[in-house]
């Protein structure tokens, strides 16, 4: 099941390194899209094996404030450790299947 999100890019960056504690390597593209209807910021991830991964990494800073449409392939519930308190908080990770760039990605006016 895939679903789509249309919005404006507020953050775009490649995340590469090793997880603290386990030492497992990670490499993904991180994107935060603002849903203009609700004002929600939606954090998204694209894995490094995606065909668009390199393109997004190359364009990361030019994506900011651009309208896009994101096709989401799946979402997984989990937890995330708060950097300040160390407490685990619930979160949902959304994984990108495809990003579409065009004026068609702009939200319809009301």
PDB file of N, CA and C in Angstrom:
ATOM      1  N   UNK A   1       0.842  -1.171   0.000  1.00  0.00           N
ATOM      2  CA  UNK A   1       0.000   0.000   0.000  1.00  0.00           C
ATOM      3  C   UNK A   1       0.890   1.238   0.000  1.00  0.00           C
ATOM      4  N   UNK A   2       0.702   2.083  -0.965  1.00  0.00           N
ATOM      5  CA  UNK A   2       1.443   3.340  -1.025  1.00  0.00           C
ATOM      6  C   UNK A   2       0.448   4.487  -0.884  1.00  0.00           C
ATOM      7  N   UNK A   3       0.901   5.602  -0.337  1.00  0.00           N
ATOM      8  CA  UNK A   3       0.077   6.792  -0.279  1.00  0.00           C
ATOM      9  C   UNK A   3       0.965   7.989  -0.581  1.00  0.00           C
ATOM     10  N   UNK A   4       0.351   9.128  -0.854  1.00  0.00           N
ATOM     11  CA  UNK A   4       1.151  10.284  -1.262  1.00  0.00           C
ATOM     12  C   UNK A   4       0.914  11.486  -0.360  1.00  0.00           C
ATOM     13  N   UNK A   5       1.927  12.328  -0.324  1.00  0.00           N
ATOM     14  CA  UNK A   5       1.918  13.551   0.464  1.00  0.00           C
ATOM     15  C   UNK A   5       2.388  14.682  -0.434  1.00  0.00           C
ATOM     16  N   UNK A   6       1.640  15.757  -0.453  1.00  0.00           N
ATOM     17  CA  UNK A   6       2.032  16.943  -1.202  1.00  0.00           C
ATOM     18  C   UNK A   6       2.331  18.043  -0.203  1.00  0.00           C
ATOM     19  N   UNK A   7       3.452  18.710  -0.384  1.00  0.00           N
ATOM     20  CA  UNK A   7       3.813  19.771   0.538  1.00  0.00           C
ATOM     21  C   UNK A   7       5.061  20.507   0.119  1.00  0.00           C
ATOM     22  N   UNK A   8       5.682  21.171   1.081  1.00  0.00           N
ATOM     23  CA  UNK A   8       6.863  21.989   0.849  1.00  0.00           C
ATOM     24  C   UNK A   8       8.029  21.440   1.658  1.00  0.00           C
ATOM     25  N   UNK A   9       9.186  21.332   1.029  1.00  0.00           N
ATOM     26  CA  UNK A   9      10.377  20.805   1.707  1.00  0.00           C
ATOM     27  C   UNK A   9      10.888  21.833   2.712  1.00  0.00           C
ATOM     28  N   UNK A  10      11.083  21.395   3.948  1.00  0.00           N
ATOM     29  CA  UNK A  10      11.618  22.256   4.998  1.00  0.00           C
ATOM     30  C   UNK A  10      13.007  21.814   5.443  1.00  0.00           C
ATOM     31  N   UNK A  11      13.390  20.589   5.132  1.00  0.00           N
ATOM     32  CA  UNK A  11      14.688  20.046   5.544  1.00  0.00           C
ATOM     33  C   UNK A  11      15.033  18.925   4.579  1.00  0.00           C
ATOM     34  N   UNK A  12      16.293  18.871   4.161  1.00  0.00           N
ATOM     35  CA  UNK A  12      16.743  17.808   3.267  1.00  0.00           C
ATOM     36  C   UNK A  12      18.229  17.568   3.504  1.00  0.00           C
ATOM     37  N   UNK A  13      18.582  16.309   3.833  1.00  0.00           N
ATOM     38  CA  UNK A  13      19.975  16.020   4.140  1.00  0.00           C
ATOM     39  C   UNK A  13      20.246  14.520   4.115  1.00  0.00           C
ATOM     40  N   UNK A  14      21.435  14.165   3.644  1.00  0.00           N
ATOM     41  CA  UNK A  14      21.882  12.785   3.714  1.00  0.00           C
ATOM     42  C   UNK A  14      22.354  12.493   5.136  1.00  0.00           C
ATOM     43  N   UNK A  15      21.943  11.368   5.659  1.00  0.00           N
ATOM     44  CA  UNK A  15      22.330  10.943   7.000  1.00  0.00           C
ATOM     45  C   UNK A  15      23.178   9.682   6.851  1.00  0.00           C
ATOM     46  N   UNK A  16      24.433   9.768   7.241  1.00  0.00           N
ATOM     47  CA  UNK A  16      25.346   8.639   7.087  1.00  0.00           C
ATOM     48  C   UNK A  16      26.223   8.556   8.327  1.00  0.00           C
ATOM     49  N   UNK A  17      26.380   7.337   8.846  1.00  0.00           N
ATOM     50  CA  UNK A  17      27.211   7.158  10.024  1.00  0.00           C
ATOM     51  C   UNK A  17      27.017   5.795  10.638  1.00  0.00           C
ATOM     52  N   UNK A  18      27.283   5.712  11.929  1.00  0.00           N
ATOM     53  CA  UNK A  18      27.100   4.477  12.686  1.00  0.00           C
ATOM     54  C   UNK A  18      26.210   4.756  13.883  1.00  0.00           C
ATOM     55  N   UNK A  19      25.308   3.839  14.158  1.00  0.00           N
ATOM     56  CA  UNK A  19      24.409   3.985  15.294  1.00  0.00           C
ATOM     57  C   UNK A  19      25.193   3.860  16.589  1.00  0.00           C
ATOM     58  N   UNK A  20      24.915   4.767  17.512  1.00  0.00           N
ATOM     59  CA  UNK A  20      25.564   4.695  18.821  1.00  0.00           C
ATOM     60  C   UNK A  20      25.086   3.438  19.531  1.00  0.00           C
ATOM     61  N   UNK A  21      25.979   2.791  20.199  1.00  0.00           N
ATOM     62  CA  UNK A  21      25.621   1.576  20.924  1.00  0.00           C
ATOM     63  C   UNK A  21      25.842   0.324  20.101  1.00  0.00           C
ATOM     64  N   UNK A  22      25.096   0.176  18.981  1.00  0.00           N
ATOM     65  CA  UNK A  22      25.210  -1.039  18.174  1.00  0.00           C
ATOM     66  C   UNK A  22      26.345  -0.957  17.159  1.00  0.00           C
ATOM     67  N   UNK A  23      26.716   0.246  16.754  1.00  0.00           N
ATOM     68  CA  UNK A  23      27.763   0.404  15.755  1.00  0.00           C
ATOM     69  C   UNK A  23      27.332   0.049  14.341  1.00  0.00           C
ATOM     70  N   UNK A  24      26.042  -0.216  14.156  1.00  0.00           N
ATOM     71  CA  UNK A  24      25.541  -0.565  12.818  1.00  0.00           C
ATOM     72  C   UNK A  24      25.591   0.658  11.905  1.00  0.00           C
ATOM     73  N   UNK A  25      26.083   0.475  10.673  1.00  0.00           N
ATOM     74  CA  UNK A  25      26.126   1.610   9.751  1.00  0.00           C
ATOM     75  C   UNK A  25      24.722   1.951   9.232  1.00  0.00           C
ATOM     76  N   UNK A  26      24.526   3.236   8.959  1.00  0.00           N
ATOM     77  CA  UNK A  26      23.281   3.668   8.319  1.00  0.00           C
ATOM     78  C   UNK A  26      23.617   4.675   7.237  1.00  0.00           C
ATOM     79  N   UNK A  27      22.767   4.736   6.222  1.00  0.00           N
ATOM     80  CA  UNK A  27      22.921   5.670   5.113  1.00  0.00           C
ATOM     81  C   UNK A  27      21.538   5.848   4.494  1.00  0.00           C
ATOM     82  N   UNK A  28      20.943   7.028   4.686  1.00  0.00           N
ATOM     83  CA  UNK A  28      19.630   7.303   4.121  1.00  0.00           C
ATOM     84  C   UNK A  28      19.497   8.797   3.875  1.00  0.00           C
ATOM     85  N   UNK A  29      18.491   9.179   3.100  1.00  0.00           N
ATOM     86  CA  UNK A  29      18.213  10.584   2.850  1.00  0.00           C
ATOM     87  C   UNK A  29      17.035  10.979   3.734  1.00  0.00           C
ATOM     88  N   UNK A  30      17.195  12.056   4.475  1.00  0.00           N
ATOM     89  CA  UNK A  30      16.171  12.537   5.392  1.00  0.00           C
ATOM     90  C   UNK A  30      15.510  13.789   4.813  1.00  0.00           C
ATOM     91  N   UNK A  31      14.202  13.812   4.891  1.00  0.00           N
ATOM     92  CA  UNK A  31      13.431  14.899   4.307  1.00  0.00           C
ATOM     93  C   UNK A  31      12.310  15.251   5.276  1.00  0.00           C
ATOM     94  N   UNK A  32      12.089  16.530   5.508  1.00  0.00           N
ATOM     95  CA  UNK A  32      10.917  16.958   6.274  1.00  0.00           C
ATOM     96  C   UNK A  32      10.061  17.790   5.332  1.00  0.00           C
ATOM     97  N   UNK A  33       8.797  17.373   5.205  1.00  0.00           N
ATOM     98  CA  UNK A  33       7.855  18.050   4.317  1.00  0.00           C
ATOM     99  C   UNK A  33       6.761  18.677   5.170  1.00  0.00           C
ATOM    100  N   UNK A  34       6.460  19.928   4.892  1.00  0.00           N
ATOM    101  CA  UNK A  34       5.397  20.646   5.582  1.00  0.00           C
ATOM    102  C   UNK A  34       4.095  20.446   4.813  1.00  0.00           C
ATOM    103  N   UNK A  35       3.098  19.901   5.496  1.00  0.00           N
ATOM    104  CA  UNK A  35       1.756  19.762   4.927  1.00  0.00           C
ATOM    105  C   UNK A  35       1.078  21.124   5.057  1.00  0.00           C
ATOM    106  N   UNK A  36       0.822  21.820   3.951  1.00  0.00           N
ATOM    107  CA  UNK A  36       0.295  23.180   4.042  1.00  0.00           C
ATOM    108  C   UNK A  36      -1.131  23.249   4.591  1.00  0.00           C
ATOM    109  N   UNK A  37      -1.919  22.192   4.446  1.00  0.00           N
ATOM    110  CA  UNK A  37      -3.297  22.219   4.947  1.00  0.00           C
ATOM    111  C   UNK A  37      -3.355  22.167   6.465  1.00  0.00           C
ATOM    112  N   UNK A  38      -2.551  21.296   7.064  1.00  0.00           N
ATOM    113  CA  UNK A  38      -2.603  21.083   8.508  1.00  0.00           C
ATOM    114  C   UNK A  38      -1.449  21.745   9.261  1.00  0.00           C
ATOM    115  N   UNK A  39      -0.404  22.157   8.539  1.00  0.00           N
ATOM    116  CA  UNK A  39       0.751  22.764   9.186  1.00  0.00           C
ATOM    117  C   UNK A  39       1.657  21.751   9.863  1.00  0.00           C
ATOM    118  N   UNK A  40       1.443  20.476   9.589  1.00  0.00           N
ATOM    119  CA  UNK A  40       2.253  19.414  10.189  1.00  0.00           C
ATOM    120  C   UNK A  40       3.555  19.233   9.426  1.00  0.00           C
ATOM    121  N   UNK A  41       4.627  18.976  10.165  1.00  0.00           N
ATOM    122  CA  UNK A  41       5.917  18.640   9.570  1.00  0.00           C
ATOM    123  C   UNK A  41       6.039  17.126   9.592  1.00  0.00           C
ATOM    124  N   UNK A  42       6.219  16.532   8.423  1.00  0.00           N
ATOM    125  CA  UNK A  42       6.267  15.082   8.300  1.00  0.00           C
ATOM    126  C   UNK A  42       7.704  14.661   7.983  1.00  0.00           C
ATOM    127  N   UNK A  43       8.357  13.931   8.901  1.00  0.00           N
ATOM    128  CA  UNK A  43       9.717  13.437   8.622  1.00  0.00           C
ATOM    129  C   UNK A  43       9.658  12.177   7.761  1.00  0.00           C
ATOM    130  N   UNK A  44      10.496  12.146   6.727  1.00  0.00           N
ATOM    131  CA  UNK A  44      10.522  11.038   5.774  1.00  0.00           C
ATOM    132  C   UNK A  44      11.954  10.556   5.570  1.00  0.00           C
ATOM    133  N   UNK A  45      12.087   9.307   5.129  1.00  0.00           N
ATOM    134  CA  UNK A  45      13.407   8.739   4.849  1.00  0.00           C
ATOM    135  C   UNK A  45      13.380   8.006   3.518  1.00  0.00           C
ATOM    136  N   UNK A  46      14.497   8.075   2.797  1.00  0.00           N
ATOM    137  CA  UNK A  46      14.681   7.279   1.580  1.00  0.00           C
ATOM    138  C   UNK A  46      15.954   6.467   1.754  1.00  0.00           C
ATOM    139  N   UNK A  47      15.850   5.160   1.527  1.00  0.00           N
ATOM    140  CA  UNK A  47      17.012   4.291   1.700  1.00  0.00           C
ATOM    141  C   UNK A  47      18.026   4.510   0.575  1.00  0.00           C
ATOM    142  N   UNK A  48      19.265   4.175   0.865  1.00  0.00           N
ATOM    143  CA  UNK A  48      20.358   4.416  -0.084  1.00  0.00           C
ATOM    144  C   UNK A  48      20.278   3.531  -1.323  1.00  0.00           C
ATOM    145  N   UNK A  49      19.449   2.502  -1.311  1.00  0.00           N
ATOM    146  CA  UNK A  49      19.325   1.646  -2.489  1.00  0.00           C
ATOM    147  C   UNK A  49      18.222   2.112  -3.447  1.00  0.00           C
ATOM    148  N   UNK A  50      17.579   3.223  -3.146  1.00  0.00           N
ATOM    149  CA  UNK A  50      16.541   3.775  -4.012  1.00  0.00           C
ATOM    150  C   UNK A  50      17.170   4.383  -5.266  1.00  0.00           C
ATOM    151  N   UNK A  51      16.510   4.250  -6.419  1.00  0.00           N
ATOM    152  CA  UNK A  51      17.033   4.855  -7.650  1.00  0.00           C
ATOM    153  C   UNK A  51      17.189   6.380  -7.581  1.00  0.00           C
ATOM    154  N   UNK A  52      16.418   7.056  -6.744  1.00  0.00           N
ATOM    155  CA  UNK A  52      16.495   8.517  -6.635  1.00  0.00           C
ATOM    156  C   UNK A  52      17.462   8.992  -5.551  1.00  0.00           C
ATOM    157  N   UNK A  53      18.057   8.092  -4.807  1.00  0.00           N
ATOM    158  CA  UNK A  53      18.885   8.469  -3.663  1.00  0.00           C
ATOM    159  C   UNK A  53      19.994   9.455  -4.047  1.00  0.00           C
ATOM    160  N   UNK A  54      20.783   9.134  -5.041  1.00  0.00           N
ATOM    161  CA  UNK A  54      21.902   9.996  -5.443  1.00  0.00           C
ATOM    162  C   UNK A  54      21.399  11.364  -5.905  1.00  0.00           C
ATOM    163  N   UNK A  55      20.334  11.363  -6.693  1.00  0.00           N
ATOM    164  CA  UNK A  55      19.774  12.628  -7.179  1.00  0.00           C
ATOM    165  C   UNK A  55      19.368  13.531  -6.007  1.00  0.00           C
ATOM    166  N   UNK A  56      18.700  12.971  -5.009  1.00  0.00           N
ATOM    167  CA  UNK A  56      18.287  13.774  -3.857  1.00  0.00           C
ATOM    168  C   UNK A  56      19.482  14.281  -3.065  1.00  0.00           C
ATOM    169  N   UNK A  57      20.490  13.435  -2.895  1.00  0.00           N
ATOM    170  CA  UNK A  57      21.699  13.862  -2.183  1.00  0.00           C
ATOM    171  C   UNK A  57      22.379  15.018  -2.916  1.00  0.00           C
ATOM    172  N   UNK A  58      22.424  14.952  -4.235  1.00  0.00           N
ATOM    173  CA  UNK A  58      23.053  16.001  -5.032  1.00  0.00           C
ATOM    174  C   UNK A  58      22.267  17.312  -4.995  1.00  0.00           C
ATOM    175  N   UNK A  59      20.954  17.218  -4.809  1.00  0.00           N
ATOM    176  CA  UNK A  59      20.081  18.397  -4.855  1.00  0.00           C
ATOM    177  C   UNK A  59      19.649  18.885  -3.479  1.00  0.00           C
ATOM    178  N   UNK A  60      20.180  18.312  -2.413  1.00  0.00           N
ATOM    179  CA  UNK A  60      19.617  18.535  -1.074  1.00  0.00           C
ATOM    180  C   UNK A  60      19.313  19.995  -0.749  1.00  0.00           C
ATOM    181  N   UNK A  61      20.253  20.897  -0.891  1.00  0.00           N
ATOM    182  CA  UNK A  61      20.014  22.288  -0.493  1.00  0.00           C
ATOM    183  C   UNK A  61      19.132  23.065  -1.463  1.00  0.00           C
ATOM    184  N   UNK A  62      19.007  22.595  -2.695  1.00  0.00           N
ATOM    185  CA  UNK A  62      18.122  23.276  -3.642  1.00  0.00           C
ATOM    186  C   UNK A  62      16.669  22.853  -3.453  1.00  0.00           C
ATOM    187  N   UNK A  63      16.431  21.849  -2.624  1.00  0.00           N
ATOM    188  CA  UNK A  63      15.067  21.374  -2.381  1.00  0.00           C
ATOM    189  C   UNK A  63      14.311  22.228  -1.367  1.00  0.00           C
ATOM    190  N   UNK A  64      15.027  22.940  -0.517  1.00  0.00           N
ATOM    191  CA  UNK A  64      14.400  23.703   0.562  1.00  0.00           C
ATOM    192  C   UNK A  64      13.381  24.697  -0.007  1.00  0.00           C
ATOM    193  N   UNK A  65      12.184  24.694   0.586  1.00  0.00           N
ATOM    194  CA  UNK A  65      11.045  25.548   0.215  1.00  0.00           C
ATOM    195  C   UNK A  65      10.449  25.222  -1.153  1.00  0.00           C
ATOM    196  N   UNK A  66      10.807  24.087  -1.731  1.00  0.00           N
ATOM    197  CA  UNK A  66      10.249  23.682  -3.019  1.00  0.00           C
ATOM    198  C   UNK A  66       9.009  22.808  -2.819  1.00  0.00           C
ATOM    199  N   UNK A  67       7.983  22.985  -3.670  1.00  0.00           N
ATOM    200  CA  UNK A  67       6.819  22.101  -3.589  1.00  0.00           C
ATOM    201  C   UNK A  67       7.170  20.737  -4.199  1.00  0.00           C
ATOM    202  N   UNK A  68       6.752  19.679  -3.527  1.00  0.00           N
ATOM    203  CA  UNK A  68       7.000  18.333  -4.038  1.00  0.00           C
ATOM    204  C   UNK A  68       5.815  17.431  -3.710  1.00  0.00           C
ATOM    205  N   UNK A  69       5.792  16.304  -4.385  1.00  0.00           N
ATOM    206  CA  UNK A  69       4.855  15.242  -4.065  1.00  0.00           C
ATOM    207  C   UNK A  69       5.698  14.023  -3.740  1.00  0.00           C
ATOM    208  N   UNK A  70       5.413  13.389  -2.618  1.00  0.00           N
ATOM    209  CA  UNK A  70       6.174  12.239  -2.163  1.00  0.00           C
ATOM    210  C   UNK A  70       5.249  11.022  -2.142  1.00  0.00           C
ATOM    211  N   UNK A  71       5.679   9.957  -2.792  1.00  0.00           N
ATOM    212  CA  UNK A  71       4.966   8.689  -2.725  1.00  0.00           C
ATOM    213  C   UNK A  71       5.603   7.894  -1.585  1.00  0.00           C
ATOM    214  N   UNK A  72       4.806   7.548  -0.597  1.00  0.00           N
ATOM    215  CA  UNK A  72       5.292   6.850   0.595  1.00  0.00           C
ATOM    216  C   UNK A  72       4.988   5.365   0.448  1.00  0.00           C
ATOM    217  N   UNK A  73       6.031   4.542   0.575  1.00  0.00           N
ATOM    218  CA  UNK A  73       5.837   3.103   0.374  1.00  0.00           C
ATOM    219  C   UNK A  73       5.418   2.372   1.631  1.00  0.00           C
ATOM    220  N   UNK A  74       5.835   2.867   2.788  1.00  0.00           N
ATOM    221  CA  UNK A  74       5.431   2.226   4.042  1.00  0.00           C
ATOM    222  C   UNK A  74       5.738   3.143   5.219  1.00  0.00           C
ATOM    223  N   UNK A  75       5.144   2.805   6.346  1.00  0.00           N
ATOM    224  CA  UNK A  75       5.449   3.499   7.589  1.00  0.00           C
ATOM    225  C   UNK A  75       5.574   2.457   8.691  1.00  0.00           C
ATOM    226  N   UNK A  76       6.479   2.711   9.618  1.00  0.00           N
ATOM    227  CA  UNK A  76       6.733   1.786  10.720  1.00  0.00           C
ATOM    228  C   UNK A  76       6.707   2.525  12.045  1.00  0.00           C
ATOM    229  N   UNK A  77       5.933   2.020  13.008  1.00  0.00           N
ATOM    230  CA  UNK A  77       5.974   2.615  14.335  1.00  0.00           C
ATOM    231  C   UNK A  77       7.244   2.199  15.059  1.00  0.00           C
ATOM    232  N   UNK A  78       7.680   3.027  15.957  1.00  0.00           N
ATOM    233  CA  UNK A  78       8.877   2.712  16.725  1.00  0.00           C
ATOM    234  C   UNK A  78       9.057   3.713  17.846  1.00  0.00           C
ATOM    235  N   UNK A  79      10.265   3.797  18.349  1.00  0.00           N
ATOM    236  CA  UNK A  79      10.589   4.768  19.384  1.00  0.00           C
ATOM    237  C   UNK A  79      11.844   5.526  18.987  1.00  0.00           C
ATOM    238  N   UNK A  80      11.998   6.672  19.596  1.00  0.00           N
ATOM    239  CA  UNK A  80      13.162   7.507  19.348  1.00  0.00           C
ATOM    240  C   UNK A  80      13.625   8.052  20.691  1.00  0.00           C
ATOM    241  N   UNK A  81      14.937   8.033  20.910  1.00  0.00           N
ATOM    242  CA  UNK A  81      15.477   8.521  22.176  1.00  0.00           C
ATOM    243  C   UNK A  81      15.644  10.033  22.109  1.00  0.00           C
ATOM    244  N   UNK A  82      15.064  10.730  23.080  1.00  0.00           N
ATOM    245  CA  UNK A  82      15.198  12.176  23.180  1.00  0.00           C
ATOM    246  C   UNK A  82      16.637  12.508  23.572  1.00  0.00           C
ATOM    247  N   UNK A  83      17.287  13.378  22.799  1.00  0.00           N
ATOM    248  CA  UNK A  83      18.695  13.726  23.047  1.00  0.00           C
ATOM    249  C   UNK A  83      18.899  14.423  24.385  1.00  0.00           C
ATOM    250  N   UNK A  84      17.919  15.176  24.835  1.00  0.00           N
ATOM    251  CA  UNK A  84      18.051  15.940  26.079  1.00  0.00           C
ATOM    252  C   UNK A  84      17.718  15.121  27.324  1.00  0.00           C
ATOM    253  N   UNK A  85      16.633  14.339  27.241  1.00  0.00           N
ATOM    254  CA  UNK A  85      16.189  13.622  28.434  1.00  0.00           C
ATOM    255  C   UNK A  85      16.614  12.161  28.458  1.00  0.00           C
ATOM    256  N   UNK A  86      16.935  11.602  27.287  1.00  0.00           N
ATOM    257  CA  UNK A  86      17.285  10.188  27.208  1.00  0.00           C
ATOM    258  C   UNK A  86      16.083   9.266  27.221  1.00  0.00           C
ATOM    259  N   UNK A  87      14.883   9.831  27.297  1.00  0.00           N
ATOM    260  CA  UNK A  87      13.672   9.025  27.324  1.00  0.00           C
ATOM    261  C   UNK A  87      13.263   8.586  25.924  1.00  0.00           C
ATOM    262  N   UNK A  88      12.689   7.382  25.842  1.00  0.00           N
ATOM    263  CA  UNK A  88      12.163   6.860  24.592  1.00  0.00           C
ATOM    264  C   UNK A  88      10.763   7.439  24.371  1.00  0.00           C
ATOM    265  N   UNK A  89      10.531   7.965  23.177  1.00  0.00           N
ATOM    266  CA  UNK A  89       9.217   8.484  22.836  1.00  0.00           C
ATOM    267  C   UNK A  89       8.718   7.790  21.575  1.00  0.00           C
ATOM    268  N   UNK A  90       7.400   7.603  21.455  1.00  0.00           N
ATOM    269  CA  UNK A  90       6.858   6.948  20.260  1.00  0.00           C
ATOM    270  C   UNK A  90       7.082   7.811  19.018  1.00  0.00           C
ATOM    271  N   UNK A  91       7.287   7.157  17.903  1.00  0.00           N
ATOM    272  CA  UNK A  91       7.456   7.853  16.631  1.00  0.00           C
ATOM    273  C   UNK A  91       6.990   6.945  15.498  1.00  0.00           C
ATOM    274  N   UNK A  92       6.797   7.518  14.340  1.00  0.00           N
ATOM    275  CA  UNK A  92       6.483   6.757  13.131  1.00  0.00           C
ATOM    276  C   UNK A  92       7.491   7.176  12.077  1.00  0.00           C
ATOM    277  N   UNK A  93       8.087   6.204  11.418  1.00  0.00           N
ATOM    278  CA  UNK A  93       9.026   6.481  10.334  1.00  0.00           C
ATOM    279  C   UNK A  93       8.329   6.216   9.008  1.00  0.00           C
ATOM    280  N   UNK A  94       8.366   7.220   8.128  1.00  0.00           N
ATOM    281  CA  UNK A  94       7.772   7.116   6.799  1.00  0.00           C
ATOM    282  C   UNK A  94       8.885   6.924   5.789  1.00  0.00           C
ATOM    283  N   UNK A  95       8.750   5.923   4.933  1.00  0.00           N
ATOM    284  CA  UNK A  95       9.776   5.593   3.955  1.00  0.00           C
ATOM    285  C   UNK A  95       9.304   5.959   2.550  1.00  0.00           C
ATOM    286  N   UNK A  96      10.136   6.720   1.848  1.00  0.00           N
ATOM    287  CA  UNK A  96       9.806   7.254   0.527  1.00  0.00           C
ATOM    288  C   UNK A  96      10.033   6.216  -0.560  1.00  0.00           C
ATOM    289  N   UNK A  97       9.069   6.127  -1.455  1.00  0.00           N
ATOM    290  CA  UNK A  97       9.212   5.307  -2.657  1.00  0.00           C
ATOM    291  C   UNK A  97       9.710   6.179  -3.814  1.00  0.00           C
ATOM    292  N   UNK A  98       9.123   7.362  -3.947  1.00  0.00           N
ATOM    293  CA  UNK A  98       9.465   8.236  -5.072  1.00  0.00           C
ATOM    294  C   UNK A  98       9.141   9.682  -4.723  1.00  0.00           C
ATOM    295  N   UNK A  99       9.956  10.597  -5.249  1.00  0.00           N
ATOM    296  CA  UNK A  99       9.724  12.027  -5.096  1.00  0.00           C
ATOM    297  C   UNK A  99       9.462  12.610  -6.482  1.00  0.00           C
ATOM    298  N   UNK A 100       8.393  13.389  -6.596  1.00  0.00           N
ATOM    299  CA  UNK A 100       8.036  14.022  -7.869  1.00  0.00           C
ATOM    300  C   UNK A 100       8.259  15.524  -7.747  1.00  0.00           C
ATOM    301  N   UNK A 101       8.960  16.081  -8.729  1.00  0.00           N
ATOM    302  CA  UNK A 101       9.253  17.516  -8.749  1.00  0.00           C
ATOM    303  C   UNK A 101       8.529  18.114  -9.939  1.00  0.00           C
ATOM    304  N   UNK A 102       7.629  19.041  -9.692  1.00  0.00           N
ATOM    305  CA  UNK A 102       6.991  19.753 -10.788  1.00  0.00           C
ATOM    306  C   UNK A 102       5.984  20.713 -10.204  1.00  0.00           C
ATOM    307  N   UNK A 103       5.433  21.550 -11.037  1.00  0.00           N
ATOM    308  CA  UNK A 103       4.378  22.453 -10.579  1.00  0.00           C
ATOM    309  C   UNK A 103       3.126  21.655 -10.228  1.00  0.00           C
ATOM    310  N   UNK A 104       3.000  20.436 -10.756  1.00  0.00           N
ATOM    311  CA  UNK A 104       1.856  19.581 -10.416  1.00  0.00           C
ATOM    312  C   UNK A 104       1.899  19.166  -8.954  1.00  0.00           C
ATOM    313  N   UNK A 105       3.062  19.276  -8.330  1.00  0.00           N
ATOM    314  CA  UNK A 105       3.196  18.893  -6.927  1.00  0.00           C
ATOM    315  C   UNK A 105       2.665  19.968  -5.991  1.00  0.00           C
ATOM    316  N   UNK A 106       2.372  21.161  -6.526  1.00  0.00           N
ATOM    317  CA  UNK A 106       1.876  22.233  -5.672  1.00  0.00           C
ATOM    318  C   UNK A 106       0.449  21.906  -5.237  1.00  0.00           C
ATOM    319  N   UNK A 107       0.130  22.219  -3.989  1.00  0.00           N
ATOM    320  CA  UNK A 107      -1.239  21.960  -3.508  1.00  0.00           C
ATOM    321  C   UNK A 107      -2.251  22.815  -4.239  1.00  0.00           C
ATOM    322  N   UNK A 108      -3.438  22.272  -4.426  1.00  0.00           N
ATOM    323  CA  UNK A 108      -4.504  23.019  -5.082  1.00  0.00           C
ATOM    324  C   UNK A 108      -4.954  24.164  -4.176  1.00  0.00           C
ATOM    325  N   UNK A 109      -5.265  25.309  -4.762  1.00  0.00           N
ATOM    326  CA  UNK A 109      -5.731  26.432  -3.952  1.00  0.00           C
ATOM    327  C   UNK A 109      -7.198  26.212  -3.598  1.00  0.00           C
ATOM    328  N   UNK A 110      -7.587  26.750  -2.477  1.00  0.00           N
ATOM    329  CA  UNK A 110      -8.947  26.524  -1.993  1.00  0.00           C
ATOM    330  C   UNK A 110      -9.864  27.641  -2.396  1.00  0.00           C
TER     331      UNK A 110
END
